[in-house]
Amino acid sequence: MSQVALRLPDSLHQYAKQLAAQDDASLNQFIVTAVAEKISALNTEAFFLERAQRSDKDKAMAALSKVRQVEPQTGDTR
């Protein structure tokens, strides 16, 4: 496991400590989770951008044209 010296503005540090306490977690665990969430979000964005580049509108429309046109079941409408 690696160690990182992290400099945070005092206000951000205090707010992070408060949120960690509310979540019944250590500040370290709170920061680890925050970094993991950010990495996950960026990886997800990259995944969908790559998928979008490989997409084909004509193939998507052909697939959608195969969906049956039926009325929604009771309770499935707004």
C-alpha atoms as a PDB file:
ATOM      1  CA  MET A   1       0.000   0.000   0.000  1.00  0.00           C
ATOM      2  CA  SER A   2       1.251   3.478  -0.829  1.00  0.00           C
ATOM      3  CA  GLN A   3       1.307   6.590   1.294  1.00  0.00           C
ATOM      4  CA  VAL A   4       0.639  10.043  -0.101  1.00  0.00           C
ATOM      5  CA  ALA A   5       1.159  13.380   1.596  1.00  0.00           C
ATOM      6  CA  LEU A   6      -1.929  15.404   0.803  1.00  0.00           C
ATOM      7  CA  ARG A   7      -2.362  19.142   1.242  1.00  0.00           C
ATOM      8  CA  LEU A   8      -5.949  20.270   1.699  1.00  0.00           C
ATOM      9  CA  PRO A   9      -7.282  23.737   2.414  1.00  0.00           C
ATOM     10  CA  ASP A  10      -8.432  23.907   6.033  1.00  0.00           C
ATOM     11  CA  SER A  11     -12.080  24.380   5.078  1.00  0.00           C
ATOM     12  CA  LEU A  12     -12.061  21.346   2.781  1.00  0.00           C
ATOM     13  CA  HIS A  13     -10.264  19.284   5.426  1.00  0.00           C
ATOM     14  CA  GLN A  14     -12.841  20.139   8.082  1.00  0.00           C
ATOM     15  CA  TYR A  15     -15.753  19.421   5.755  1.00  0.00           C
ATOM     16  CA  ALA A  16     -14.242  16.072   4.709  1.00  0.00           C
ATOM     17  CA  LYS A  17     -13.741  15.145   8.384  1.00  0.00           C
ATOM     18  CA  GLN A  18     -17.371  15.974   9.132  1.00  0.00           C
ATOM     19  CA  LEU A  19     -18.654  13.911   6.229  1.00  0.00           C
ATOM     20  CA  ALA A  20     -16.400  10.990   7.138  1.00  0.00           C
ATOM     21  CA  ALA A  21     -17.700  11.075  10.717  1.00  0.00           C
ATOM     22  CA  GLN A  22     -21.305  11.150   9.481  1.00  0.00           C
ATOM     23  CA  ASP A  23     -20.505   8.086   7.371  1.00  0.00           C
ATOM     24  CA  ASP A  24     -18.849   6.407  10.385  1.00  0.00           C
ATOM     25  CA  ALA A  25     -15.574   6.195   8.454  1.00  0.00           C
ATOM     26  CA  SER A  26     -12.052   7.431   8.995  1.00  0.00           C
ATOM     27  CA  LEU A  27     -10.872  10.438   7.027  1.00  0.00           C
ATOM     28  CA  ASN A  28      -8.434   8.142   5.236  1.00  0.00           C
ATOM     29  CA  GLN A  29     -11.217   5.759   4.184  1.00  0.00           C
ATOM     30  CA  PHE A  30     -13.381   8.690   3.089  1.00  0.00           C
ATOM     31  CA  ILE A  31     -10.602  10.032   0.856  1.00  0.00           C
ATOM     32  CA  VAL A  32      -9.818   6.558  -0.540  1.00  0.00           C
ATOM     33  CA  THR A  33     -13.487   6.102  -1.408  1.00  0.00           C
ATOM     34  CA  ALA A  34     -13.683   9.556  -2.993  1.00  0.00           C
ATOM     35  CA  VAL A  35     -10.654   8.833  -5.186  1.00  0.00           C
ATOM     36  CA  ALA A  36     -12.076   5.425  -6.156  1.00  0.00           C
ATOM     37  CA  GLU A  37     -15.399   7.019  -7.108  1.00  0.00           C
ATOM     38  CA  LYS A  38     -13.651   9.637  -9.256  1.00  0.00           C
ATOM     39  CA  ILE A  39     -11.560   6.990 -11.024  1.00  0.00           C
ATOM     40  CA  SER A  40     -14.682   4.911 -11.636  1.00  0.00           C
ATOM     41  CA  ALA A  41     -16.531   7.897 -13.084  1.00  0.00           C
ATOM     42  CA  LEU A  42     -13.676   8.748 -15.437  1.00  0.00           C
ATOM     43  CA  ASN A  43     -13.303   5.122 -16.544  1.00  0.00           C
ATOM     44  CA  THR A  44     -17.043   4.882 -17.160  1.00  0.00           C
ATOM     45  CA  GLU A  45     -16.967   8.031 -19.263  1.00  0.00           C
ATOM     46  CA  ALA A  46     -14.043   6.670 -21.294  1.00  0.00           C
ATOM     47  CA  PHE A  47     -15.875   3.345 -21.764  1.00  0.00           C
ATOM     48  CA  PHE A  48     -19.005   5.006 -23.152  1.00  0.00           C
ATOM     49  CA  LEU A  49     -17.022   7.383 -25.370  1.00  0.00           C
ATOM     50  CA  GLU A  50     -15.184   4.407 -26.855  1.00  0.00           C
ATOM     51  CA  ARG A  51     -18.466   2.526 -27.339  1.00  0.00           C
ATOM     52  CA  ALA A  52     -20.017   5.581 -28.995  1.00  0.00           C
ATOM     53  CA  GLN A  53     -17.135   5.760 -31.468  1.00  0.00           C
ATOM     54  CA  ARG A  54     -17.836   2.159 -32.490  1.00  0.00           C
ATOM     55  CA  SER A  55     -21.578   2.724 -32.816  1.00  0.00           C
ATOM     56  CA  ASP A  56     -23.501   2.552 -36.049  1.00  0.00           C
ATOM     57  CA  LYS A  57     -26.756   4.537 -36.231  1.00  0.00           C
ATOM     58  CA  ASP A  58     -28.178   2.429 -39.061  1.00  0.00           C
ATOM     59  CA  LYS A  59     -27.641  -0.812 -37.117  1.00  0.00           C
ATOM     60  CA  ALA A  60     -29.215   0.709 -34.013  1.00  0.00           C
ATOM     61  CA  MET A  61     -32.262   1.881 -35.964  1.00  0.00           C
ATOM     62  CA  ALA A  62     -32.575  -1.568 -37.601  1.00  0.00           C
ATOM     63  CA  ALA A  63     -32.555  -3.198 -34.157  1.00  0.00           C
ATOM     64  CA  LEU A  64     -35.121  -0.742 -32.799  1.00  0.00           C
ATOM     65  CA  SER A  65     -37.379  -1.344 -35.793  1.00  0.00           C
ATOM     66  CA  LYS A  66     -37.749  -4.971 -34.634  1.00  0.00           C
ATOM     67  CA  VAL A  67     -39.337  -3.933 -31.327  1.00  0.00           C
ATOM     68  CA  ARG A  68     -43.059  -4.706 -31.287  1.00  0.00           C
ATOM     69  CA  GLN A  69     -45.345  -1.692 -31.111  1.00  0.00           C
ATOM     70  CA  VAL A  70     -47.730  -2.507 -28.259  1.00  0.00           C
ATOM     71  CA  GLU A  71     -49.569  -0.440 -25.688  1.00  0.00           C
ATOM     72  CA  PRO A  72     -47.899  -0.375 -22.266  1.00  0.00           C
ATOM     73  CA  GLN A  73     -49.358  -2.569 -19.547  1.00  0.00           C
ATOM     74  CA  THR A  74     -51.536  -1.000 -16.901  1.00  0.00           C
ATOM     75  CA  GLY A  75     -49.358   0.851 -14.435  1.00  0.00           C
ATOM     76  CA  ASP A  76     -46.448   1.286 -16.874  1.00  0.00           C
ATOM     77  CA  THR A  77     -47.505   4.765 -17.980  1.00  0.00           C
ATOM     78  CA  ARG A  78     -47.031   8.100 -16.271  1.00  0.00           C
END
